[in-house]
Structure formats: C-alpha cells, structure tokens
Amino acid sequence: MKNQIYKDKKKRNLSFNSENKKFVLKSICQNSSVPKTVRWNSVLKFTEFNKSSNTNTLVNRCILTGRKKKINKLFRFSRISFLKLARMGFVSGLTKSTW
C-alpha cells in the first residue's frame, strides 16, 4: 500500500506542477487570432506532456490505509478508517448515537 500512496502523491505533484502550462497551451491552441504556426507548436508541446500528469488518472485514496474504494470525500478517509477514528473520538463533532 505504501508504494501506491507514493505513486499517487507523485502523480498529484506532476499534475499540479503542469496545470498552468497546460492551461496556457490549451488557450493558445483554441485562440484563432494567433498565427497557425504558433498554434501548431503549442499543440506539439501539449502532446509532449507525460500521461501520468493528466488529472483523469488520479485516484482518491484513504490517507491512512491507501484504500481506494468507499472514500469519504469530506474527510478523505475510507469507511473503515473513518469508523475506527469516530469510535475512538478523534473526529470532532461526531458522537456515538444511542436510542
């Protein structure tokens, strides 16, 4: 699991670092007032980006366990880790309900 967490962090850093460059190149590609040669060069640069820097390849993982299924988006924990933390009282605002 540690290897998958490491890979996920690496992918997130790659996508974060290349986000601005991609946005600029994409806007140049779509701008019709720019000369064709500049637009073609921007398309070539855009295609040279690494596939792993794409934001579609990112997977939401649990912070503690690295589990990728049943993730609570608000807390970024898997359901199992979230239940354990809630039972121990580490999640603020949650109490065990009794009736």
PDB file of N, CA and C in Angstrom:
ATOM      1  N   MET A   1       0.811  -1.191   0.000  1.00  0.00           N
ATOM      2  CA  MET A   1       0.000   0.000   0.000  1.00  0.00           C
ATOM      3  C   MET A   1       0.862   1.266   0.000  1.00  0.00           C
ATOM      4  N   LYS A   2       2.000   1.206   0.663  1.00  0.00           N
ATOM      5  CA  LYS A   2       2.836   2.403   0.739  1.00  0.00           C
ATOM      6  C   LYS A   2       3.322   2.815  -0.644  1.00  0.00           C
ATOM      7  N   ASN A   3       3.599   1.830  -1.494  1.00  0.00           N
ATOM      8  CA  ASN A   3       4.048   2.127  -2.842  1.00  0.00           C
ATOM      9  C   ASN A   3       2.943   2.825  -3.629  1.00  0.00           C
ATOM     10  N   GLN A   4       1.698   2.391  -3.462  1.00  0.00           N
ATOM     11  CA  GLN A   4       0.583   3.027  -4.171  1.00  0.00           C
ATOM     12  C   GLN A   4       0.356   4.447  -3.677  1.00  0.00           C
ATOM     13  N   ILE A   5       0.511   4.666  -2.379  1.00  0.00           N
ATOM     14  CA  ILE A   5       0.366   6.014  -1.830  1.00  0.00           C
ATOM     15  C   ILE A   5       1.468   6.911  -2.379  1.00  0.00           C
ATOM     16  N   TYR A   6       2.676   6.390  -2.476  1.00  0.00           N
ATOM     17  CA  TYR A   6       3.798   7.157  -3.019  1.00  0.00           C
ATOM     18  C   TYR A   6       3.543   7.516  -4.479  1.00  0.00           C
ATOM     19  N   LYS A   7       3.052   6.556  -5.277  1.00  0.00           N
ATOM     20  CA  LYS A   7       2.752   6.817  -6.681  1.00  0.00           C
ATOM     21  C   LYS A   7       1.655   7.871  -6.816  1.00  0.00           C
ATOM     22  N   ASP A   8       0.656   7.790  -5.958  1.00  0.00           N
ATOM     23  CA  ASP A   8      -0.444   8.748  -6.009  1.00  0.00           C
ATOM     24  C   ASP A   8       0.052  10.161  -5.697  1.00  0.00           C
ATOM     25  N   LYS A   9       0.905  10.294  -4.692  1.00  0.00           N
ATOM     26  CA  LYS A   9       1.464  11.608  -4.363  1.00  0.00           C
ATOM     27  C   LYS A   9       2.287  12.159  -5.523  1.00  0.00           C
ATOM     28  N   LYS A  10       3.050  11.284  -6.162  1.00  0.00           N
ATOM     29  CA  LYS A  10       3.883  11.690  -7.282  1.00  0.00           C
ATOM     30  C   LYS A  10       3.019  12.174  -8.455  1.00  0.00           C
ATOM     31  N   LYS A  11       1.934  11.448  -8.745  1.00  0.00           N
ATOM     32  CA  LYS A  11       1.022  11.855  -9.818  1.00  0.00           C
ATOM     33  C   LYS A  11       0.360  13.186  -9.505  1.00  0.00           C
ATOM     34  N   ARG A  12      -0.041  13.375  -8.263  1.00  0.00           N
ATOM     35  CA  ARG A  12      -0.694  14.632  -7.872  1.00  0.00           C
ATOM     36  C   ARG A  12       0.276  15.811  -8.012  1.00  0.00           C
ATOM     37  N   ASN A  13       1.538  15.613  -7.638  1.00  0.00           N
ATOM     38  CA  ASN A  13       2.529  16.682  -7.799  1.00  0.00           C
ATOM     39  C   ASN A  13       2.770  17.001  -9.271  1.00  0.00           C
ATOM     40  N   LEU A  14       2.848  15.964 -10.120  1.00  0.00           N
ATOM     41  CA  LEU A  14       3.042  16.181 -11.550  1.00  0.00           C
ATOM     42  C   LEU A  14       1.883  16.970 -12.152  1.00  0.00           C
ATOM     43  N   SER A  15       0.665  16.574 -11.805  1.00  0.00           N
ATOM     44  CA  SER A  15      -0.492  17.270 -12.381  1.00  0.00           C
ATOM     45  C   SER A  15      -0.597  18.698 -11.865  1.00  0.00           C
ATOM     46  N   PHE A  16      -0.247  18.905 -10.590  1.00  0.00           N
ATOM     47  CA  PHE A  16      -0.300  20.255 -10.027  1.00  0.00           C
ATOM     48  C   PHE A  16       0.737  21.166 -10.680  1.00  0.00           C
ATOM     49  N   ASN A  17       1.939  20.653 -10.905  1.00  0.00           N
ATOM     50  CA  ASN A  17       3.008  21.465 -11.491  1.00  0.00           C
ATOM     51  C   ASN A  17       2.758  21.789 -12.956  1.00  0.00           C
ATOM     52  N   SER A  18       2.107  20.902 -13.684  1.00  0.00           N
ATOM     53  CA  SER A  18       1.906  21.130 -15.119  1.00  0.00           C
ATOM     54  C   SER A  18       0.540  21.734 -15.438  1.00  0.00           C
ATOM     55  N   GLU A  19      -0.251  22.029 -14.436  1.00  0.00           N
ATOM     56  CA  GLU A  19      -1.606  22.532 -14.679  1.00  0.00           C
ATOM     57  C   GLU A  19      -1.601  23.892 -15.373  1.00  0.00           C
ATOM     58  N   ASN A  20      -0.784  24.819 -14.917  1.00  0.00           N
ATOM     59  CA  ASN A  20      -0.738  26.156 -15.518  1.00  0.00           C
ATOM     60  C   ASN A  20      -0.209  26.112 -16.945  1.00  0.00           C
ATOM     61  N   LYS A  21       0.827  25.313 -17.178  1.00  0.00           N
ATOM     62  CA  LYS A  21       1.391  25.199 -18.521  1.00  0.00           C
ATOM     63  C   LYS A  21       0.362  24.642 -19.493  1.00  0.00           C
ATOM     64  N   LYS A  22      -0.379  23.634 -19.052  1.00  0.00           N
ATOM     65  CA  LYS A  22      -1.407  23.047 -19.914  1.00  0.00           C
ATOM     66  C   LYS A  22      -2.504  24.053 -20.227  1.00  0.00           C
ATOM     67  N   PHE A  23      -2.897  24.828 -19.230  1.00  0.00           N
ATOM     68  CA  PHE A  23      -3.951  25.816 -19.437  1.00  0.00           C
ATOM     69  C   PHE A  23      -3.529  26.858 -20.467  1.00  0.00           C
ATOM     70  N   VAL A  24      -2.292  27.338 -20.384  1.00  0.00           N
ATOM     71  CA  VAL A  24      -1.798  28.341 -21.328  1.00  0.00           C
ATOM     72  C   VAL A  24      -1.720  27.759 -22.732  1.00  0.00           C
ATOM     73  N   LEU A  25      -1.159  26.558 -22.856  1.00  0.00           N
ATOM     74  CA  LEU A  25      -1.034  25.946 -24.180  1.00  0.00           C
ATOM     75  C   LEU A  25      -2.400  25.659 -24.799  1.00  0.00           C
ATOM     76  N   LYS A  26      -3.341  25.230 -23.983  1.00  0.00           N
ATOM     77  CA  LYS A  26      -4.671  24.938 -24.498  1.00  0.00           C
ATOM     78  C   LYS A  26      -5.368  26.215 -24.973  1.00  0.00           C
ATOM     79  N   SER A  27      -5.190  27.297 -24.240  1.00  0.00           N
ATOM     80  CA  SER A  27      -5.815  28.553 -24.648  1.00  0.00           C
ATOM     81  C   SER A  27      -5.191  29.082 -25.938  1.00  0.00           C
ATOM     82  N   ILE A  28      -3.876  28.879 -26.119  1.00  0.00           N
ATOM     83  CA  ILE A  28      -3.231  29.286 -27.365  1.00  0.00           C
ATOM     84  C   ILE A  28      -3.749  28.445 -28.527  1.00  0.00           C
ATOM     85  N   CYS A  29      -3.951  27.151 -28.301  1.00  0.00           N
ATOM     86  CA  CYS A  29      -4.444  26.259 -29.351  1.00  0.00           C
ATOM     87  C   CYS A  29      -5.832  26.676 -29.826  1.00  0.00           C
ATOM     88  N   GLN A  30      -6.665  27.126 -28.921  1.00  0.00           N
ATOM     89  CA  GLN A  30      -8.047  27.448 -29.260  1.00  0.00           C
ATOM     90  C   GLN A  30      -8.236  28.883 -29.751  1.00  0.00           C
ATOM     91  N   ASN A  31      -7.215  29.715 -29.588  1.00  0.00           N
ATOM     92  CA  ASN A  31      -7.316  31.108 -29.995  1.00  0.00           C
ATOM     93  C   ASN A  31      -7.093  31.217 -31.501  1.00  0.00           C
ATOM     94  N   SER A  32      -8.085  31.704 -32.227  1.00  0.00           N
ATOM     95  CA  SER A  32      -7.976  31.773 -33.689  1.00  0.00           C
ATOM     96  C   SER A  32      -7.239  33.019 -34.156  1.00  0.00           C
ATOM     97  N   SER A  33      -7.021  34.000 -33.290  1.00  0.00           N
ATOM     98  CA  SER A  33      -6.313  35.217 -33.696  1.00  0.00           C
ATOM     99  C   SER A  33      -4.790  35.032 -33.701  1.00  0.00           C
ATOM    100  N   VAL A  34      -4.314  33.926 -33.134  1.00  0.00           N
ATOM    101  CA  VAL A  34      -2.881  33.632 -33.107  1.00  0.00           C
ATOM    102  C   VAL A  34      -2.501  32.959 -34.434  1.00  0.00           C
ATOM    103  N   PRO A  35      -1.303  33.245 -34.974  1.00  0.00           N
ATOM    104  CA  PRO A  35      -0.896  32.596 -36.233  1.00  0.00           C
ATOM    105  C   PRO A  35      -0.887  31.063 -36.127  1.00  0.00           C
ATOM    106  N   LYS A  36      -1.074  30.418 -37.261  1.00  0.00           N
ATOM    107  CA  LYS A  36      -1.184  28.948 -37.289  1.00  0.00           C
ATOM    108  C   LYS A  36       0.081  28.252 -36.807  1.00  0.00           C
ATOM    109  N   THR A  37       1.224  28.794 -37.139  1.00  0.00           N
ATOM    110  CA  THR A  37       2.469  28.136 -36.736  1.00  0.00           C
ATOM    111  C   THR A  37       2.612  28.113 -35.213  1.00  0.00           C
ATOM    112  N   VAL A  38       2.215  29.193 -34.569  1.00  0.00           N
ATOM    113  CA  VAL A  38       2.285  29.250 -33.110  1.00  0.00           C
ATOM    114  C   VAL A  38       1.304  28.260 -32.505  1.00  0.00           C
ATOM    115  N   ARG A  39       0.112  28.176 -33.092  1.00  0.00           N
ATOM    116  CA  ARG A  39      -0.894  27.237 -32.595  1.00  0.00           C
ATOM    117  C   ARG A  39      -0.428  25.796 -32.775  1.00  0.00           C
ATOM    118  N   TRP A  40       0.172  25.490 -33.902  1.00  0.00           N
ATOM    119  CA  TRP A  40       0.660  24.125 -34.140  1.00  0.00           C
ATOM    120  C   TRP A  40       1.771  23.769 -33.159  1.00  0.00           C
ATOM    121  N   ASN A  41       2.662  24.725 -32.928  1.00  0.00           N
ATOM    122  CA  ASN A  41       3.740  24.469 -31.963  1.00  0.00           C
ATOM    123  C   ASN A  41       3.191  24.249 -30.557  1.00  0.00           C
ATOM    124  N   SER A  42       2.141  24.985 -30.202  1.00  0.00           N
ATOM    125  CA  SER A  42       1.551  24.788 -28.882  1.00  0.00           C
ATOM    126  C   SER A  42       0.871  23.421 -28.783  1.00  0.00           C
ATOM    127  N   VAL A  43       0.293  22.953 -29.879  1.00  0.00           N
ATOM    128  CA  VAL A  43      -0.303  21.613 -29.883  1.00  0.00           C
ATOM    129  C   VAL A  43       0.778  20.552 -29.705  1.00  0.00           C
ATOM    130  N   LEU A  44       1.903  20.742 -30.372  1.00  0.00           N
ATOM    131  CA  LEU A  44       3.015  19.788 -30.232  1.00  0.00           C
ATOM    132  C   LEU A  44       3.542  19.756 -28.794  1.00  0.00           C
ATOM    133  N   LYS A  45       3.697  20.927 -28.198  1.00  0.00           N
ATOM    134  CA  LYS A  45       4.157  20.982 -26.804  1.00  0.00           C
ATOM    135  C   LYS A  45       3.136  20.337 -25.870  1.00  0.00           C
ATOM    136  N   PHE A  46       1.852  20.537 -26.181  1.00  0.00           N
ATOM    137  CA  PHE A  46       0.795  19.983 -25.338  1.00  0.00           C
ATOM    138  C   PHE A  46       0.793  18.455 -25.373  1.00  0.00           C
ATOM    139  N   THR A  47       1.089  17.881 -26.519  1.00  0.00           N
ATOM    140  CA  THR A  47       1.099  16.424 -26.638  1.00  0.00           C
ATOM    141  C   THR A  47       2.338  15.797 -26.009  1.00  0.00           C
ATOM    142  N   GLU A  48       3.374  16.593 -25.744  1.00  0.00           N
ATOM    143  CA  GLU A  48       4.593  16.062 -25.148  1.00  0.00           C
ATOM    144  C   GLU A  48       4.490  15.850 -23.640  1.00  0.00           C
ATOM    145  N   PHE A  49       3.401  16.287 -23.020  1.00  0.00           N
ATOM    146  CA  PHE A  49       3.242  16.103 -21.582  1.00  0.00           C
ATOM    147  C   PHE A  49       3.124  14.627 -21.245  1.00  0.00           C
ATOM    148  N   ASN A  50       3.573  14.291 -20.058  1.00  0.00           N
ATOM    149  CA  ASN A  50       3.530  12.919 -19.568  1.00  0.00           C
ATOM    150  C   ASN A  50       2.077  12.493 -19.340  1.00  0.00           C
ATOM    151  N   LYS A  51       1.755  11.256 -19.641  1.00  0.00           N
ATOM    152  CA  LYS A  51       0.389  10.759 -19.464  1.00  0.00           C
ATOM    153  C   LYS A  51      -0.026  10.747 -17.998  1.00  0.00           C
ATOM    154  N   SER A  52       0.920  10.519 -17.099  1.00  0.00           N
ATOM    155  CA  SER A  52       0.574  10.437 -15.685  1.00  0.00           C
ATOM    156  C   SER A  52       0.276  11.798 -15.075  1.00  0.00           C
ATOM    157  N   SER A  53       0.593  12.882 -15.794  1.00  0.00           N
ATOM    158  CA  SER A  53       0.290  14.210 -15.275  1.00  0.00           C
ATOM    159  C   SER A  53      -1.157  14.607 -15.566  1.00  0.00           C
ATOM    160  N   ASN A  54      -1.896  13.734 -16.223  1.00  0.00           N
ATOM    161  CA  ASN A  54      -3.298  14.008 -16.527  1.00  0.00           C
ATOM    162  C   ASN A  54      -4.140  13.880 -15.258  1.00  0.00           C
ATOM    163  N   THR A  55      -5.071  14.800 -15.056  1.00  0.00           N
ATOM    164  CA  THR A  55      -5.878  14.782 -13.836  1.00  0.00           C
ATOM    165  C   THR A  55      -6.895  13.654 -13.835  1.00  0.00           C
ATOM    166  N   ASN A  56      -7.196  13.081 -14.996  1.00  0.00           N
ATOM    167  CA  ASN A  56      -8.158  11.980 -15.047  1.00  0.00           C
ATOM    168  C   ASN A  56      -7.597  10.687 -14.475  1.00  0.00           C
ATOM    169  N   THR A  57      -6.293  10.573 -14.380  1.00  0.00           N
ATOM    170  CA  THR A  57      -5.692   9.340 -13.882  1.00  0.00           C
ATOM    171  C   THR A  57      -5.572   9.320 -12.363  1.00  0.00           C
ATOM    172  N   LEU A  58      -5.900  10.430 -11.700  1.00  0.00           N
ATOM    173  CA  LEU A  58      -5.787  10.487 -10.249  1.00  0.00           C
ATOM    174  C   LEU A  58      -6.877   9.659  -9.586  1.00  0.00           C
ATOM    175  N   VAL A  59      -6.517   8.997  -8.493  1.00  0.00           N
ATOM    176  CA  VAL A  59      -7.443   8.149  -7.753  1.00  0.00           C
ATOM    177  C   VAL A  59      -7.526   8.676  -6.329  1.00  0.00           C
ATOM    178  N   ASN A  60      -8.736   8.825  -5.813  1.00  0.00           N
ATOM    179  CA  ASN A  60      -8.892   9.220  -4.421  1.00  0.00           C
ATOM    180  C   ASN A  60      -8.551   8.036  -3.534  1.00  0.00           C
ATOM    181  N   ARG A  61      -7.615   8.236  -2.616  1.00  0.00           N
ATOM    182  CA  ARG A  61      -7.187   7.177  -1.713  1.00  0.00           C
ATOM    183  C   ARG A  61      -7.305   7.645  -0.276  1.00  0.00           C
ATOM    184  N   CYS A  62      -7.463   6.666   0.614  1.00  0.00           N
ATOM    185  CA  CYS A  62      -7.503   6.945   2.042  1.00  0.00           C
ATOM    186  C   CYS A  62      -6.131   7.429   2.493  1.00  0.00           C
ATOM    187  N   ILE A  63      -6.122   8.403   3.375  1.00  0.00           N
ATOM    188  CA  ILE A  63      -4.863   8.969   3.853  1.00  0.00           C
ATOM    189  C   ILE A  63      -4.097   7.955   4.696  1.00  0.00           C
ATOM    190  N   LEU A  64      -4.816   7.184   5.501  1.00  0.00           N
ATOM    191  CA  LEU A  64      -4.154   6.251   6.420  1.00  0.00           C
ATOM    192  C   LEU A  64      -3.796   4.929   5.767  1.00  0.00           C
ATOM    193  N   THR A  65      -4.761   4.319   5.080  1.00  0.00           N
ATOM    194  CA  THR A  65      -4.568   2.951   4.607  1.00  0.00           C
ATOM    195  C   THR A  65      -4.224   2.838   3.129  1.00  0.00           C
ATOM    196  N   GLY A  66      -4.554   3.832   2.327  1.00  0.00           N
ATOM    197  CA  GLY A  66      -4.312   3.752   0.892  1.00  0.00           C
ATOM    198  C   GLY A  66      -5.418   3.057   0.143  1.00  0.00           C
ATOM    199  N   ARG A  67      -6.503   2.742   0.801  1.00  0.00           N
ATOM    200  CA  ARG A  67      -7.632   2.072   0.173  1.00  0.00           C
ATOM    201  C   ARG A  67      -8.311   3.026  -0.807  1.00  0.00           C
ATOM    202  N   LYS A  68      -8.717   2.520  -1.983  1.00  0.00           N
ATOM    203  CA  LYS A  68      -9.284   3.411  -2.989  1.00  0.00           C
ATOM    204  C   LYS A  68     -10.792   3.281  -3.150  1.00  0.00           C
ATOM    205  N   LYS A  69     -11.414   2.391  -2.421  1.00  0.00           N
ATOM    206  CA  LYS A  69     -12.861   2.235  -2.513  1.00  0.00           C
ATOM    207  C   LYS A  69     -13.532   2.792  -1.269  1.00  0.00           C
ATOM    208  N   LYS A  70     -14.749   3.280  -1.447  1.00  0.00           N
ATOM    209  CA  LYS A  70     -15.579   3.794  -0.346  1.00  0.00           C
ATOM    210  C   LYS A  70     -14.865   4.905   0.425  1.00  0.00           C
ATOM    211  N   ILE A  71     -14.472   5.952  -0.287  1.00  0.00           N
ATOM    212  CA  ILE A  71     -13.773   7.070   0.325  1.00  0.00           C
ATOM    213  C   ILE A  71     -14.774   8.165   0.666  1.00  0.00           C
ATOM    214  N   ASN A  72     -14.690   8.682   1.891  1.00  0.00           N
ATOM    215  CA  ASN A  72     -15.480   9.826   2.309  1.00  0.00           C
ATOM    216  C   ASN A  72     -14.762  11.071   1.802  1.00  0.00           C
ATOM    217  N   LYS A  73     -15.372  11.804   0.875  1.00  0.00           N
ATOM    218  CA  LYS A  73     -14.693  12.925   0.239  1.00  0.00           C
ATOM    219  C   LYS A  73     -14.433  14.075   1.194  1.00  0.00           C
ATOM    220  N   LEU A  74     -15.284  14.233   2.187  1.00  0.00           N
ATOM    221  CA  LEU A  74     -15.121  15.340   3.121  1.00  0.00           C
ATOM    222  C   LEU A  74     -13.891  15.154   4.004  1.00  0.00           C
ATOM    223  N   PHE A  75     -13.671  13.937   4.482  1.00  0.00           N
ATOM    224  CA  PHE A  75     -12.564  13.676   5.399  1.00  0.00           C
ATOM    225  C   PHE A  75     -11.379  12.978   4.748  1.00  0.00           C
ATOM    226  N   ARG A  76     -11.544  12.428   3.545  1.00  0.00           N
ATOM    227  CA  ARG A  76     -10.525  11.682   2.808  1.00  0.00           C
ATOM    228  C   ARG A  76     -10.060  10.433   3.550  1.00  0.00           C
ATOM    229  N   PHE A  77     -10.980   9.783   4.227  1.00  0.00           N
ATOM    230  CA  PHE A  77     -10.733   8.502   4.881  1.00  0.00           C
ATOM    231  C   PHE A  77     -11.623   7.452   4.249  1.00  0.00           C
ATOM    232  N   SER A  78     -11.185   6.192   4.280  1.00  0.00           N
ATOM    233  CA  SER A  78     -12.063   5.107   3.862  1.00  0.00           C
ATOM    234  C   SER A  78     -13.095   4.889   4.960  1.00  0.00           C
ATOM    235  N   ARG A  79     -14.136   4.167   4.634  1.00  0.00           N
ATOM    236  CA  ARG A  79     -15.226   3.994   5.602  1.00  0.00           C
ATOM    237  C   ARG A  79     -14.749   3.252   6.846  1.00  0.00           C
ATOM    238  N   ILE A  80     -13.830   2.300   6.671  1.00  0.00           N
ATOM    239  CA  ILE A  80     -13.331   1.523   7.800  1.00  0.00           C
ATOM    240  C   ILE A  80     -12.489   2.402   8.726  1.00  0.00           C
ATOM    241  N   SER A  81     -11.574   3.174   8.130  1.00  0.00           N
ATOM    242  CA  SER A  81     -10.741   4.071   8.939  1.00  0.00           C
ATOM    243  C   SER A  81     -11.593   5.135   9.615  1.00  0.00           C
ATOM    244  N   PHE A  82     -12.603   5.626   8.902  1.00  0.00           N
ATOM    245  CA  PHE A  82     -13.469   6.657   9.461  1.00  0.00           C
ATOM    246  C   PHE A  82     -14.234   6.132  10.677  1.00  0.00           C
ATOM    247  N   LEU A  83     -14.740   4.905  10.578  1.00  0.00           N
ATOM    248  CA  LEU A  83     -15.460   4.316  11.714  1.00  0.00           C
ATOM    249  C   LEU A  83     -14.538   4.122  12.919  1.00  0.00           C
ATOM    250  N   LYS A  84     -13.330   3.655  12.674  1.00  0.00           N
ATOM    251  CA  LYS A  84     -12.381   3.469  13.777  1.00  0.00           C
ATOM    252  C   LYS A  84     -12.065   4.793  14.466  1.00  0.00           C
ATOM    253  N   LEU A  85     -11.812   5.818  13.670  1.00  0.00           N
ATOM    254  CA  LEU A  85     -11.477   7.126  14.240  1.00  0.00           C
ATOM    255  C   LEU A  85     -12.674   7.744  14.964  1.00  0.00           C
ATOM    256  N   ALA A  86     -13.871   7.539  14.426  1.00  0.00           N
ATOM    257  CA  ALA A  86     -15.064   8.092  15.064  1.00  0.00           C
ATOM    258  C   ALA A  86     -15.334   7.391  16.389  1.00  0.00           C
ATOM    259  N   ARG A  87     -15.123   6.092  16.443  1.00  0.00           N
ATOM    260  CA  ARG A  87     -15.351   5.358  17.687  1.00  0.00           C
ATOM    261  C   ARG A  87     -14.357   5.741  18.772  1.00  0.00           C
ATOM    262  N   MET A  88     -13.135   6.063  18.358  1.00  0.00           N
ATOM    263  CA  MET A  88     -12.139   6.479  19.334  1.00  0.00           C
ATOM    264  C   MET A  88     -12.296   7.941  19.737  1.00  0.00           C
ATOM    265  N   GLY A  89     -13.135   8.681  18.994  1.00  0.00           N
ATOM    266  CA  GLY A  89     -13.397  10.074  19.341  1.00  0.00           C
ATOM    267  C   GLY A  89     -12.433  11.072  18.733  1.00  0.00           C
ATOM    268  N   PHE A  90     -11.725  10.686  17.678  1.00  0.00           N
ATOM    269  CA  PHE A  90     -10.767  11.592  17.057  1.00  0.00           C
ATOM    270  C   PHE A  90     -11.396  12.515  16.020  1.00  0.00           C
ATOM    271  N   VAL A  91     -12.616  12.216  15.577  1.00  0.00           N
ATOM    272  CA  VAL A  91     -13.297  13.067  14.609  1.00  0.00           C
ATOM    273  C   VAL A  91     -14.181  14.030  15.391  1.00  0.00           C
ATOM    274  N   SER A  92     -13.895  15.312  15.287  1.00  0.00           N
ATOM    275  CA  SER A  92     -14.639  16.288  16.078  1.00  0.00           C
ATOM    276  C   SER A  92     -16.057  16.434  15.540  1.00  0.00           C
ATOM    277  N   GLY A  93     -17.008  16.576  16.447  1.00  0.00           N
ATOM    278  CA  GLY A  93     -18.401  16.771  16.069  1.00  0.00           C
ATOM    279  C   GLY A  93     -19.182  15.482  15.923  1.00  0.00           C
ATOM    280  N   LEU A  94     -18.544  14.333  16.076  1.00  0.00           N
ATOM    281  CA  LEU A  94     -19.236  13.055  15.950  1.00  0.00           C
ATOM    282  C   LEU A  94     -19.259  12.354  17.298  1.00  0.00           C
ATOM    283  N   THR A  95     -20.444  11.878  17.644  1.00  0.00           N
ATOM    284  CA  THR A  95     -20.578  11.083  18.851  1.00  0.00           C
ATOM    285  C   THR A  95     -21.358   9.830  18.516  1.00  0.00           C
ATOM    286  N   LYS A  96     -21.166   8.809  19.275  1.00  0.00           N
ATOM    287  CA  LYS A  96     -21.889   7.567  19.072  1.00  0.00           C
ATOM    288  C   LYS A  96     -23.342   7.777  19.485  1.00  0.00           C
ATOM    289  N   SER A  97     -24.234   7.419  18.586  1.00  0.00           N
ATOM    290  CA  SER A  97     -25.650   7.648  18.874  1.00  0.00           C
ATOM    291  C   SER A  97     -26.235   6.456  19.634  1.00  0.00           C
ATOM    292  N   THR A  98     -27.055   6.747  20.621  1.00  0.00           N
ATOM    293  CA  THR A  98     -27.758   5.704  21.363  1.00  0.00           C
ATOM    294  C   THR A  98     -29.228   6.095  21.428  1.00  0.00           C
ATOM    295  N   TRP A  99     -30.091   5.093  21.354  1.00  0.00           N
ATOM    296  CA  TRP A  99     -31.524   5.348  21.469  1.00  0.00           C
ATOM    297  C   TRP A  99     -32.234   4.227  22.130  1.00  0.00           C
TER     298      TRP A  99
END
